[in-house]
Amino acid sequence: MNKTELVAAVAEKAGLTKKDAEEVVNAFTDTVIKALKKGDKIQLVGFGTFEVTKRNARTGRNPLTGESMKIAASKAPKFKAGKAFKDALN
């Protein structure tokens, strides 16, 4: 499912226009990104948790040349599915 299909599904489920549903989807993603940038953790009970993990600097290897290279430290988003979400899939 891509963003357009998600917007259409949200519009149908919530009884909104596609334009309103797109604004809701965009507001949700923007809010999640802003919160994670600030270092906050977002917990949606029954759905899951969004958080930021830190990756330490490390030495990697270029697969083409075999040359060692330094990989800088970085932050990465992480999502952990909640129990109700996992149970719904099984």
C-alpha atoms as a PDB file:
ATOM      1  CA  MET A   1       0.000   0.000   0.000  1.00  0.00           C
ATOM      2  CA  ASN A   2       1.414   3.384  -0.942  1.00  0.00           C
ATOM      3  CA  LYS A   3       0.494   6.805   0.452  1.00  0.00           C
ATOM      4  CA  THR A   4      -2.297   7.422  -2.077  1.00  0.00           C
ATOM      5  CA  GLU A   5      -3.916   4.080  -1.247  1.00  0.00           C
ATOM      6  CA  LEU A   6      -3.539   4.783   2.472  1.00  0.00           C
ATOM      7  CA  VAL A   7      -5.208   8.187   2.085  1.00  0.00           C
ATOM      8  CA  ALA A   8      -8.086   6.607   0.157  1.00  0.00           C
ATOM      9  CA  ALA A   9      -8.528   3.895   2.814  1.00  0.00           C
ATOM     10  CA  VAL A  10      -8.478   6.435   5.669  1.00  0.00           C
ATOM     11  CA  ALA A  11     -10.979   8.647   3.799  1.00  0.00           C
ATOM     12  CA  GLU A  12     -13.357   5.726   3.306  1.00  0.00           C
ATOM     13  CA  LYS A  13     -13.010   4.383   6.864  1.00  0.00           C
ATOM     14  CA  ALA A  14     -13.406   7.797   8.562  1.00  0.00           C
ATOM     15  CA  GLY A  15     -15.979   9.215   6.153  1.00  0.00           C
ATOM     16  CA  LEU A  16     -13.690  12.068   5.100  1.00  0.00           C
ATOM     17  CA  THR A  17     -12.835  13.534   1.743  1.00  0.00           C
ATOM     18  CA  LYS A  18      -9.533  12.403   0.267  1.00  0.00           C
ATOM     19  CA  LYS A  19      -8.164  15.917   0.754  1.00  0.00           C
ATOM     20  CA  ASP A  20      -9.048  15.900   4.464  1.00  0.00           C
ATOM     21  CA  ALA A  21      -7.677  12.374   4.880  1.00  0.00           C
ATOM     22  CA  GLU A  22      -4.409  13.411   3.202  1.00  0.00           C
ATOM     23  CA  GLU A  23      -4.102  16.315   5.650  1.00  0.00           C
ATOM     24  CA  VAL A  24      -4.628  13.880   8.542  1.00  0.00           C
ATOM     25  CA  VAL A  25      -1.991  11.451   7.228  1.00  0.00           C
ATOM     26  CA  ASN A  26       0.474  14.296   6.598  1.00  0.00           C
ATOM     27  CA  ALA A  27      -0.168  15.779  10.049  1.00  0.00           C
ATOM     28  CA  PHE A  28       0.429  12.382  11.663  1.00  0.00           C
ATOM     29  CA  THR A  29       3.721  11.751   9.849  1.00  0.00           C
ATOM     30  CA  ASP A  30       4.945  15.316  10.438  1.00  0.00           C
ATOM     31  CA  THR A  31       4.118  15.068  14.143  1.00  0.00           C
ATOM     32  CA  VAL A  32       5.909  11.729  14.495  1.00  0.00           C
ATOM     33  CA  ILE A  33       9.011  13.087  12.733  1.00  0.00           C
ATOM     34  CA  LYS A  34       9.106  16.266  14.851  1.00  0.00           C
ATOM     35  CA  ALA A  35       8.688  14.309  18.093  1.00  0.00           C
ATOM     36  CA  LEU A  36      11.436  11.848  17.174  1.00  0.00           C
ATOM     37  CA  LYS A  37      13.769  14.696  16.179  1.00  0.00           C
ATOM     38  CA  LYS A  38      13.293  16.156  19.672  1.00  0.00           C
ATOM     39  CA  GLY A  39      14.185  12.767  21.161  1.00  0.00           C
ATOM     40  CA  ASP A  40      10.670  11.900  22.321  1.00  0.00           C
ATOM     41  CA  LYS A  41       9.218   8.407  22.200  1.00  0.00           C
ATOM     42  CA  ILE A  42       5.685   7.901  20.853  1.00  0.00           C
ATOM     43  CA  GLN A  43       3.609   5.071  22.311  1.00  0.00           C
ATOM     44  CA  LEU A  44       0.304   4.141  20.726  1.00  0.00           C
ATOM     45  CA  VAL A  45      -1.177   1.512  23.055  1.00  0.00           C
ATOM     46  CA  GLY A  46      -2.210  -1.557  21.092  1.00  0.00           C
ATOM     47  CA  PHE A  47      -0.374  -0.401  17.964  1.00  0.00           C
ATOM     48  CA  GLY A  48       3.279   0.147  18.799  1.00  0.00           C
ATOM     49  CA  THR A  49       6.111   2.457  19.778  1.00  0.00           C
ATOM     50  CA  PHE A  50       8.170   4.824  17.644  1.00  0.00           C
ATOM     51  CA  GLU A  51      11.595   5.799  19.000  1.00  0.00           C
ATOM     52  CA  VAL A  52      15.078   6.837  17.923  1.00  0.00           C
ATOM     53  CA  THR A  53      18.079   4.557  18.337  1.00  0.00           C
ATOM     54  CA  LYS A  54      21.696   5.689  18.235  1.00  0.00           C
ATOM     55  CA  ARG A  55      24.182   3.892  16.042  1.00  0.00           C
ATOM     56  CA  ASN A  56      27.794   4.202  17.153  1.00  0.00           C
ATOM     57  CA  ALA A  57      30.586   5.056  14.749  1.00  0.00           C
ATOM     58  CA  ARG A  58      32.184   1.940  13.354  1.00  0.00           C
ATOM     59  CA  THR A  59      34.607   0.666  10.747  1.00  0.00           C
ATOM     60  CA  GLY A  60      33.087  -0.899   7.661  1.00  0.00           C
ATOM     61  CA  ARG A  61      34.413  -2.346   4.449  1.00  0.00           C
ATOM     62  CA  ASN A  62      33.768  -1.177   0.895  1.00  0.00           C
ATOM     63  CA  PRO A  63      32.368  -4.280  -0.881  1.00  0.00           C
ATOM     64  CA  LEU A  64      33.864  -3.291  -4.240  1.00  0.00           C
ATOM     65  CA  THR A  65      37.431  -2.600  -3.166  1.00  0.00           C
ATOM     66  CA  GLY A  66      37.645  -4.330   0.204  1.00  0.00           C
ATOM     67  CA  GLU A  67      39.027  -1.077   1.608  1.00  0.00           C
ATOM     68  CA  SER A  68      38.261  -0.222   5.240  1.00  0.00           C
ATOM     69  CA  MET A  69      36.230   2.915   5.812  1.00  0.00           C
ATOM     70  CA  LYS A  70      34.817   4.776   8.772  1.00  0.00           C
ATOM     71  CA  ILE A  71      31.038   4.922   9.139  1.00  0.00           C
ATOM     72  CA  ALA A  72      29.899   7.936  11.152  1.00  0.00           C
ATOM     73  CA  ALA A  73      27.617   7.706  14.160  1.00  0.00           C
ATOM     74  CA  SER A  74      23.967   8.280  13.309  1.00  0.00           C
ATOM     75  CA  LYS A  75      20.427   8.121  14.609  1.00  0.00           C
ATOM     76  CA  ALA A  76      17.797   5.822  13.132  1.00  0.00           C
ATOM     77  CA  PRO A  77      14.039   5.522  13.635  1.00  0.00           C
ATOM     78  CA  LYS A  78      12.762   2.318  15.197  1.00  0.00           C
ATOM     79  CA  PHE A  79       9.241   0.898  15.416  1.00  0.00           C
ATOM     80  CA  LYS A  80       8.281  -1.867  17.804  1.00  0.00           C
ATOM     81  CA  ALA A  81       4.851  -3.394  17.224  1.00  0.00           C
ATOM     82  CA  GLY A  82       2.533  -3.668  20.203  1.00  0.00           C
ATOM     83  CA  LYS A  83       1.013  -6.911  21.461  1.00  0.00           C
ATOM     84  CA  ALA A  84      -2.476  -6.236  20.055  1.00  0.00           C
ATOM     85  CA  PHE A  85      -0.953  -5.434  16.650  1.00  0.00           C
ATOM     86  CA  LYS A  86       1.092  -8.655  16.663  1.00  0.00           C
ATOM     87  CA  ASP A  87      -1.905 -10.675  17.802  1.00  0.00           C
ATOM     88  CA  ALA A  88      -4.070  -9.213  15.007  1.00  0.00           C
ATOM     89  CA  LEU A  89      -1.587 -10.496  12.435  1.00  0.00           C
ATOM     90  CA  ASN A  90      -1.402 -14.038  13.799  1.00  0.00           C
END
